[in-house]
PDB file of N, CA and C in Angstrom:
ATOM      1  N   MET A   1      -3.094   4.468  -4.456  1.00  0.00           N
ATOM      2  CA  MET A   1      -4.003   4.767  -3.287  1.00  0.00           C
ATOM      3  C   MET A   1      -4.712   6.706  -3.540  1.00  0.00           C
ATOM      4  N   THR A   2      -5.980   6.666  -3.119  1.00  0.00           N
ATOM      5  CA  THR A   2      -6.497   7.994  -3.212  1.00  0.00           C
ATOM      6  C   THR A   2      -6.279   8.346  -1.915  1.00  0.00           C
ATOM      7  N   ALA A   3      -5.550   9.914  -1.861  1.00  0.00           N
ATOM      8  CA  ALA A   3      -5.669  10.637  -1.195  1.00  0.00           C
ATOM      9  C   ALA A   3      -6.788  10.568  -0.039  1.00  0.00           C
ATOM     10  N   LYS A   4      -7.768  10.650  -0.912  1.00  0.00           N
ATOM     11  CA  LYS A   4      -9.102  10.868   0.115  1.00  0.00           C
ATOM     12  C   LYS A   4      -9.533   9.293   0.787  1.00  0.00           C
ATOM     13  N   THR A   5      -9.057   8.467   0.232  1.00  0.00           N
ATOM     14  CA  THR A   5      -9.370   7.083   0.766  1.00  0.00           C
ATOM     15  C   THR A   5      -8.759   7.219   2.245  1.00  0.00           C
ATOM     16  N   LEU A   6      -7.488   7.662   1.920  1.00  0.00           N
ATOM     17  CA  LEU A   6      -6.417   7.516   3.200  1.00  0.00           C
ATOM     18  C   LEU A   6      -7.269   8.384   4.318  1.00  0.00           C
ATOM     19  N   ARG A   7      -7.668   9.606   3.736  1.00  0.00           N
ATOM     20  CA  ARG A   7      -8.043  10.553   4.863  1.00  0.00           C
ATOM     21  C   ARG A   7      -8.940   9.844   5.459  1.00  0.00           C
ATOM     22  N   ASP A   8     -10.316   9.514   4.596  1.00  0.00           N
ATOM     23  CA  ASP A   8     -11.291   8.806   5.316  1.00  0.00           C
ATOM     24  C   ASP A   8     -10.786   7.905   6.201  1.00  0.00           C
ATOM     25  N   LEU A   9     -10.359   7.006   6.274  1.00  0.00           N
ATOM     26  CA  LEU A   9      -9.219   6.251   6.908  1.00  0.00           C
ATOM     27  C   LEU A   9      -8.924   6.203   8.031  1.00  0.00           C
ATOM     28  N   ILE A  10      -8.128   7.739   8.315  1.00  0.00           N
ATOM     29  CA  ILE A  10      -7.880   7.884   9.446  1.00  0.00           C
ATOM     30  C   ILE A  10      -8.589   8.946  10.255  1.00  0.00           C
ATOM     31  N   GLU A  11      -9.547   9.638   9.658  1.00  0.00           N
ATOM     32  CA  GLU A  11     -11.039   9.870  10.367  1.00  0.00           C
ATOM     33  C   GLU A  11     -12.015   8.954  10.665  1.00  0.00           C
ATOM     34  N   ALA A  12     -12.008   7.939   9.826  1.00  0.00           N
ATOM     35  CA  ALA A  12     -13.042   7.064  10.511  1.00  0.00           C
ATOM     36  C   ALA A  12     -12.308   5.868  11.796  1.00  0.00           C
ATOM     37  N   LYS A  13     -10.559   5.396  11.826  1.00  0.00           N
ATOM     38  CA  LYS A  13      -9.975   5.439  13.081  1.00  0.00           C
ATOM     39  C   LYS A  13      -9.925   6.672  14.522  1.00  0.00           C
ATOM     40  N   GLY A  14     -10.211   7.430  13.957  1.00  0.00           N
ATOM     41  CA  GLY A  14     -10.287   8.716  14.914  1.00  0.00           C
ATOM     42  C   GLY A  14      -8.565   9.145  15.532  1.00  0.00           C
ATOM     43  N   ILE A  15      -8.202   8.885  14.611  1.00  0.00           N
ATOM     44  CA  ILE A  15      -6.490   8.957  14.879  1.00  0.00           C
ATOM     45  C   ILE A  15      -5.621  10.153  13.988  1.00  0.00           C
ATOM     46  N   THR A  16      -4.946  10.574  14.517  1.00  0.00           N
ATOM     47  CA  THR A  16      -4.190  11.963  13.977  1.00  0.00           C
ATOM     48  C   THR A  16      -2.867  11.699  12.901  1.00  0.00           C
ATOM     49  N   GLN A  17      -2.519  12.395  12.057  1.00  0.00           N
ATOM     50  CA  GLN A  17      -1.320  11.982  11.311  1.00  0.00           C
ATOM     51  C   GLN A  17      -0.300  11.459  11.784  1.00  0.00           C
ATOM     52  N   GLN A  18       0.208  12.351  13.228  1.00  0.00           N
ATOM     53  CA  GLN A  18       1.267  12.404  13.642  1.00  0.00           C
ATOM     54  C   GLN A  18       1.155  10.885  14.377  1.00  0.00           C
ATOM     55  N   GLU A  19       0.008   9.930  15.004  1.00  0.00           N
ATOM     56  CA  GLU A  19      -0.131   9.210  15.736  1.00  0.00           C
ATOM     57  C   GLU A  19      -0.170   8.140  14.562  1.00  0.00           C
ATOM     58  N   MET A  20      -0.502   8.291  13.052  1.00  0.00           N
ATOM     59  CA  MET A  20      -0.276   7.108  12.215  1.00  0.00           C
ATOM     60  C   MET A  20       1.164   7.000  12.272  1.00  0.00           C
ATOM     61  N   ALA A  21       1.813   8.162  12.029  1.00  0.00           N
ATOM     62  CA  ALA A  21       3.182   8.327  11.409  1.00  0.00           C
ATOM     63  C   ALA A  21       3.895   7.330  12.718  1.00  0.00           C
ATOM     64  N   THR A  22       3.785   7.620  13.888  1.00  0.00           N
ATOM     65  CA  THR A  22       4.516   6.882  14.962  1.00  0.00           C
ATOM     66  C   THR A  22       4.052   5.467  14.601  1.00  0.00           C
ATOM     67  N   ASP A  23       3.305   5.080  14.688  1.00  0.00           N
ATOM     68  CA  ASP A  23       2.208   3.456  14.589  1.00  0.00           C
ATOM     69  C   ASP A  23       3.040   2.716  13.550  1.00  0.00           C
ATOM     70  N   LEU A  24       3.190   3.898  12.114  1.00  0.00           N
ATOM     71  CA  LEU A  24       3.641   3.131  11.261  1.00  0.00           C
ATOM     72  C   LEU A  24       5.191   3.210  10.990  1.00  0.00           C
ATOM     73  N   ASP A  25       6.076   4.062  11.726  1.00  0.00           N
ATOM     74  CA  ASP A  25       7.380   4.703  12.027  1.00  0.00           C
ATOM     75  C   ASP A  25       7.464   5.031  10.660  1.00  0.00           C
ATOM     76  N   VAL A  26       7.002   6.369  10.402  1.00  0.00           N
ATOM     77  CA  VAL A  26       6.992   6.837   9.139  1.00  0.00           C
ATOM     78  C   VAL A  26       7.012   8.519   9.972  1.00  0.00           C
ATOM     79  N   ALA A  27       7.944   9.142   9.051  1.00  0.00           N
ATOM     80  CA  ALA A  27       8.016  10.691   9.030  1.00  0.00           C
ATOM     81  C   ALA A  27       6.483  11.365   8.819  1.00  0.00           C
ATOM     82  N   GLN A  28       5.649  12.287   9.984  1.00  0.00           N
ATOM     83  CA  GLN A  28       4.462  12.228   9.836  1.00  0.00           C
ATOM     84  C   GLN A  28       4.202  13.449   8.609  1.00  0.00           C
ATOM     85  N   SER A  29       5.275  14.309   8.048  1.00  0.00           N
ATOM     86  CA  SER A  29       5.447  14.873   6.413  1.00  0.00           C
ATOM     87  C   SER A  29       5.494  13.459   5.516  1.00  0.00           C
ATOM     88  N   THR A  30       5.353  12.486   5.652  1.00  0.00           N
ATOM     89  CA  THR A  30       5.052  11.536   4.635  1.00  0.00           C
ATOM     90  C   THR A  30       3.584  11.362   4.569  1.00  0.00           C
ATOM     91  N   ILE A  31       3.121  11.469   5.735  1.00  0.00           N
ATOM     92  CA  ILE A  31       1.879  11.017   6.065  1.00  0.00           C
ATOM     93  C   ILE A  31       1.137  12.031   5.054  1.00  0.00           C
ATOM     94  N   SER A  32       1.771  13.004   5.442  1.00  0.00           N
ATOM     95  CA  SER A  32       1.035  14.488   4.850  1.00  0.00           C
ATOM     96  C   SER A  32       0.780  14.524   3.432  1.00  0.00           C
ATOM     97  N   MET A  33       2.073  14.133   2.908  1.00  0.00           N
ATOM     98  CA  MET A  33       2.245  13.836   1.188  1.00  0.00           C
ATOM     99  C   MET A  33       1.281  12.975   1.047  1.00  0.00           C
ATOM    100  N   TRP A  34       1.221  11.646   1.128  1.00  0.00           N
ATOM    101  CA  TRP A  34      -0.054  10.874   0.693  1.00  0.00           C
ATOM    102  C   TRP A  34      -1.147  11.426   1.024  1.00  0.00           C
ATOM    103  N   ILE A  35      -1.669  12.061   1.516  1.00  0.00           N
ATOM    104  CA  ILE A  35      -2.556  12.593   2.059  1.00  0.00           C
ATOM    105  C   ILE A  35      -2.967  13.671   1.059  1.00  0.00           C
ATOM    106  N   ASN A  36      -1.925  14.447   0.748  1.00  0.00           N
ATOM    107  CA  ASN A  36      -1.915  15.516  -0.404  1.00  0.00           C
ATOM    108  C   ASN A  36      -2.155  14.997  -1.764  1.00  0.00           C
ATOM    109  N   GLY A  37      -1.885  13.542  -1.625  1.00  0.00           N
ATOM    110  CA  GLY A  37      -1.372  13.287  -3.185  1.00  0.00           C
ATOM    111  C   GLY A  37      -0.189  13.290  -3.810  1.00  0.00           C
ATOM    112  N   GLU A  38       0.804  13.936  -2.975  1.00  0.00           N
ATOM    113  CA  GLU A  38       2.001  14.435  -3.344  1.00  0.00           C
ATOM    114  C   GLU A  38       3.189  13.131  -3.748  1.00  0.00           C
ATOM    115  N   ARG A  39       2.865  12.333  -3.178  1.00  0.00           N
ATOM    116  CA  ARG A  39       3.337  10.580  -2.791  1.00  0.00           C
ATOM    117  C   ARG A  39       2.681   9.785  -2.917  1.00  0.00           C
ATOM    118  N   ILE A  40       3.205   8.079  -3.107  1.00  0.00           N
ATOM    119  CA  ILE A  40       2.489   7.025  -3.040  1.00  0.00           C
ATOM    120  C   ILE A  40       3.464   6.241  -2.070  1.00  0.00           C
ATOM    121  N   PRO A  41       2.777   5.621  -1.090  1.00  0.00           N
ATOM    122  CA  PRO A  41       3.964   4.835  -0.754  1.00  0.00           C
ATOM    123  C   PRO A  41       4.123   3.311  -1.318  1.00  0.00           C
ATOM    124  N   SER A  42       5.274   2.898  -0.994  1.00  0.00           N
ATOM    125  CA  SER A  42       5.680   1.516  -1.551  1.00  0.00           C
ATOM    126  C   SER A  42       4.886   0.949  -1.785  1.00  0.00           C
ATOM    127  N   LEU A  43       4.882  -0.579  -2.054  1.00  0.00           N
ATOM    128  CA  LEU A  43       4.201  -1.927  -1.619  1.00  0.00           C
ATOM    129  C   LEU A  43       4.034  -2.193  -0.714  1.00  0.00           C
ATOM    130  N   ILE A  44       5.580  -2.335  -0.630  1.00  0.00           N
ATOM    131  CA  ILE A  44       5.340  -2.779   1.415  1.00  0.00           C
ATOM    132  C   ILE A  44       5.161  -1.923   2.531  1.00  0.00           C
ATOM    133  N   THR A  45       5.149  -1.116   2.112  1.00  0.00           N
ATOM    134  CA  THR A  45       4.290   0.328   3.141  1.00  0.00           C
ATOM    135  C   THR A  45       3.293   0.119   2.824  1.00  0.00           C
ATOM    136  N   ALA A  46       2.182   0.278   1.725  1.00  0.00           N
ATOM    137  CA  ALA A  46       1.145   0.021   1.541  1.00  0.00           C
ATOM    138  C   ALA A  46       0.779  -1.184   2.132  1.00  0.00           C
ATOM    139  N   LYS A  47       1.260  -2.394   1.959  1.00  0.00           N
ATOM    140  CA  LYS A  47       0.678  -3.770   2.720  1.00  0.00           C
ATOM    141  C   LYS A  47       0.721  -3.634   4.613  1.00  0.00           C
ATOM    142  N   ARG A  48       1.721  -2.113   5.173  1.00  0.00           N
ATOM    143  CA  ARG A  48       1.480  -2.121   6.652  1.00  0.00           C
ATOM    144  C   ARG A  48       0.646  -1.193   6.615  1.00  0.00           C
ATOM    145  N   ILE A  49      -0.071  -0.165   5.633  1.00  0.00           N
ATOM    146  CA  ILE A  49      -1.437   0.445   5.797  1.00  0.00           C
ATOM    147  C   ILE A  49      -2.235  -0.321   5.869  1.00  0.00           C
ATOM    148  N   ALA A  50      -2.393  -1.290   4.803  1.00  0.00           N
ATOM    149  CA  ALA A  50      -3.737  -1.646   4.674  1.00  0.00           C
ATOM    150  C   ALA A  50      -4.051  -3.182   5.789  1.00  0.00           C
ATOM    151  N   SER A  51      -2.989  -3.046   6.362  1.00  0.00           N
ATOM    152  CA  SER A  51      -3.023  -4.080   7.942  1.00  0.00           C
ATOM    153  C   SER A  51      -3.520  -3.360   8.910  1.00  0.00           C
ATOM    154  N   TYR A  52      -2.979  -2.078   8.919  1.00  0.00           N
ATOM    155  CA  TYR A  52      -3.475  -1.238  10.182  1.00  0.00           C
ATOM    156  C   TYR A  52      -4.699  -0.447  10.369  1.00  0.00           C
ATOM    157  N   PHE A  53      -5.326  -0.546   8.700  1.00  0.00           N
ATOM    158  CA  PHE A  53      -6.485  -0.166   8.583  1.00  0.00           C
ATOM    159  C   PHE A  53      -7.817  -1.183   8.720  1.00  0.00           C
ATOM    160  N   ASN A  54      -7.106  -2.734   8.925  1.00  0.00           N
ATOM    161  CA  ASN A  54      -7.987  -3.930   8.953  1.00  0.00           C
ATOM    162  C   ASN A  54      -8.110  -3.884   7.171  1.00  0.00           C
ATOM    163  N   THR A  55      -7.657  -3.556   6.140  1.00  0.00           N
ATOM    164  CA  THR A  55      -8.574  -3.470   5.097  1.00  0.00           C
ATOM    165  C   THR A  55      -7.236  -4.544   4.336  1.00  0.00           C
ATOM    166  N   THR A  56      -7.411  -3.781   2.663  1.00  0.00           N
ATOM    167  CA  THR A  56      -6.865  -4.803   1.870  1.00  0.00           C
ATOM    168  C   THR A  56      -5.871  -3.762   0.962  1.00  0.00           C
ATOM    169  N   VAL A  57      -4.721  -3.628   0.482  1.00  0.00           N
ATOM    170  CA  VAL A  57      -4.168  -2.773  -0.388  1.00  0.00           C
ATOM    171  C   VAL A  57      -4.954  -2.913  -2.024  1.00  0.00           C
ATOM    172  N   ASP A  58      -5.804  -3.531  -2.320  1.00  0.00           N
ATOM    173  CA  ASP A  58      -6.725  -3.285  -3.248  1.00  0.00           C
ATOM    174  C   ASP A  58      -7.712  -2.393  -2.569  1.00  0.00           C
ATOM    175  N   ASP A  59      -8.377  -2.836  -1.753  1.00  0.00           N
ATOM    176  CA  ASP A  59      -9.047  -1.871  -1.359  1.00  0.00           C
ATOM    177  C   ASP A  59      -9.058  -0.257  -0.852  1.00  0.00           C
ATOM    178  N   ILE A  60      -7.464  -0.300  -0.425  1.00  0.00           N
ATOM    179  CA  ILE A  60      -7.314   1.048  -0.590  1.00  0.00           C
ATOM    180  C   ILE A  60      -6.889   2.109  -1.766  1.00  0.00           C
ATOM    181  N   PHE A  61      -6.491   0.768  -2.501  1.00  0.00           N
ATOM    182  CA  PHE A  61      -5.810   1.345  -4.261  1.00  0.00           C
ATOM    183  C   PHE A  61      -6.965   1.596  -5.434  1.00  0.00           C
ATOM    184  N   PHE A  62      -8.216   1.166  -4.667  1.00  0.00           N
ATOM    185  CA  PHE A  62      -9.282   1.134  -6.130  1.00  0.00           C
ATOM    186  C   PHE A  62     -10.283   1.621  -5.370  1.00  0.00           C
ATOM    187  N   ASN A  63     -10.320   2.328  -3.745  1.00  0.00           N
ATOM    188  CA  ASN A  63     -10.999   2.829  -3.080  1.00  0.00           C
ATOM    189  C   ASN A  63     -12.529   2.051  -3.004  1.00  0.00           C
ATOM    190  N   ASN A  64     -12.206   1.290  -2.533  1.00  0.00           N
ATOM    191  CA  ASN A  64     -13.113   0.002  -2.092  1.00  0.00           C
ATOM    192  C   ASN A  64     -13.400  -0.239  -0.933  1.00  0.00           C
ATOM    193  N   VAL A  65     -13.322   0.749  -0.029  1.00  0.00           N
ATOM    194  CA  VAL A  65     -13.425   0.191   1.294  1.00  0.00           C
ATOM    195  C   VAL A  65     -14.438   0.860   1.747  1.00  0.00           C
ATOM    196  N   ASN A  66     -14.966   0.042   2.651  1.00  0.00           N
ATOM    197  CA  ASN A  66     -16.246   0.646   3.161  1.00  0.00           C
ATOM    198  C   ASN A  66     -15.650   0.505   4.671  1.00  0.00           C
ATOM    199  N   HIS A  67     -16.017   2.183   5.222  1.00  0.00           N
ATOM    200  CA  HIS A  67     -15.106   2.392   6.218  1.00  0.00           C
ATOM    201  C   HIS A  67     -16.211   2.236   7.748  1.00  0.00           C
ATOM    202  N   GLU A  68     -17.155   1.949   7.473  1.00  0.00           N
ATOM    203  CA  GLU A  68     -18.338   1.136   9.015  1.00  0.00           C
ATOM    204  C   GLU A  68     -17.933  -0.363   8.789  1.00  0.00           C
ATOM    205  N   THR A  69     -17.654  -1.535   7.795  1.00  0.00           N
ATOM    206  CA  THR A  69     -17.488  -2.569   8.051  1.00  0.00           C
ATOM    207  C   THR A  69     -16.301  -3.161   7.587  1.00  0.00           C
ATOM    208  N   ARG A  70     -15.516  -2.823   8.424  1.00  0.00           N
ATOM    209  CA  ARG A  70     -14.091  -3.675   8.452  1.00  0.00           C
ATOM    210  C   ARG A  70     -13.744  -4.913   9.645  1.00  0.00           C
ATOM    211  N   LEU A  71     -12.810  -5.980   8.958  1.00  0.00           N
ATOM    212  CA  LEU A  71     -12.658  -7.053   9.496  1.00  0.00           C
ATOM    213  C   LEU A  71     -12.230  -6.830  11.222  1.00  0.00           C
ATOM    214  N   THR A  72     -12.359  -7.251  12.207  1.00  0.00           N
ATOM    215  CA  THR A  72     -12.474  -6.931  13.422  1.00  0.00           C
ATOM    216  C   THR A  72     -10.710  -7.942  13.611  1.00  0.00           C
ATOM    217  N   ASP A  73     -10.005  -7.254  15.202  1.00  0.00           N
ATOM    218  CA  ASP A  73      -9.261  -8.098  15.044  1.00  0.00           C
ATOM    219  C   ASP A  73      -8.925  -9.327  15.355  1.00  0.00           C
ATOM    220  N   GLN A  74     -10.332 -10.338  15.362  1.00  0.00           N
ATOM    221  CA  GLN A  74     -10.311 -11.460  15.633  1.00  0.00           C
ATOM    222  C   GLN A  74     -11.140 -12.069  14.567  1.00  0.00           C
ATOM    223  N   GLU A  75     -11.250 -11.309  13.497  1.00  0.00           N
ATOM    224  CA  GLU A  75     -11.496 -12.404  11.941  1.00  0.00           C
ATOM    225  C   GLU A  75     -10.463 -12.483  11.068  1.00  0.00           C
ATOM    226  N   THR A  76     -10.748 -13.279  10.502  1.00  0.00           N
ATOM    227  CA  THR A  76      -9.728 -13.267   9.324  1.00  0.00           C
ATOM    228  C   THR A  76     -10.575 -12.771   8.375  1.00  0.00           C
ATOM    229  N   PRO A  77      -9.754 -12.581   6.811  1.00  0.00           N
ATOM    230  CA  PRO A  77     -10.204 -12.277   5.521  1.00  0.00           C
ATOM    231  C   PRO A  77     -11.423 -13.478   5.145  1.00  0.00           C
ATOM    232  N   GLN A  78     -10.882 -14.542   5.758  1.00  0.00           N
ATOM    233  CA  GLN A  78     -11.869 -15.865   5.329  1.00  0.00           C
ATOM    234  C   GLN A  78     -13.428 -16.260   6.214  1.00  0.00           C
ATOM    235  N   GLN A  79     -13.373 -15.291   6.894  1.00  0.00           N
ATOM    236  CA  GLN A  79     -14.262 -15.535   7.956  1.00  0.00           C
ATOM    237  C   GLN A  79     -15.085 -14.304   7.371  1.00  0.00           C
ATOM    238  N   ALA A  80     -14.572 -13.343   7.037  1.00  0.00           N
ATOM    239  CA  ALA A  80     -15.449 -11.880   6.947  1.00  0.00           C
ATOM    240  C   ALA A  80     -16.068 -12.563   5.759  1.00  0.00           C
ATOM    241  N   VAL A  81     -15.717 -13.478   4.704  1.00  0.00           N
ATOM    242  CA  VAL A  81     -16.523 -13.784   3.407  1.00  0.00           C
ATOM    243  C   VAL A  81     -17.981 -13.785   3.575  1.00  0.00           C
TER     244      VAL A  81
END
């Protein structure tokens, strides 16, 4: 995961690190370490992060996220293709 991608996703969603931490049930310091590139999340947590931002693990880790066109809650990945 690139720190910039995560930072951009948080900014695009308009949330704080603390809000994300609460929603994902992790410590705020963990979010901070991800953003600063000091740690990376486990695969299971990466899947939760991807779901939280309506994107994929591949997009987050390979920086293919288009922050303006994400799936809506009603769309499935197949509908968006």
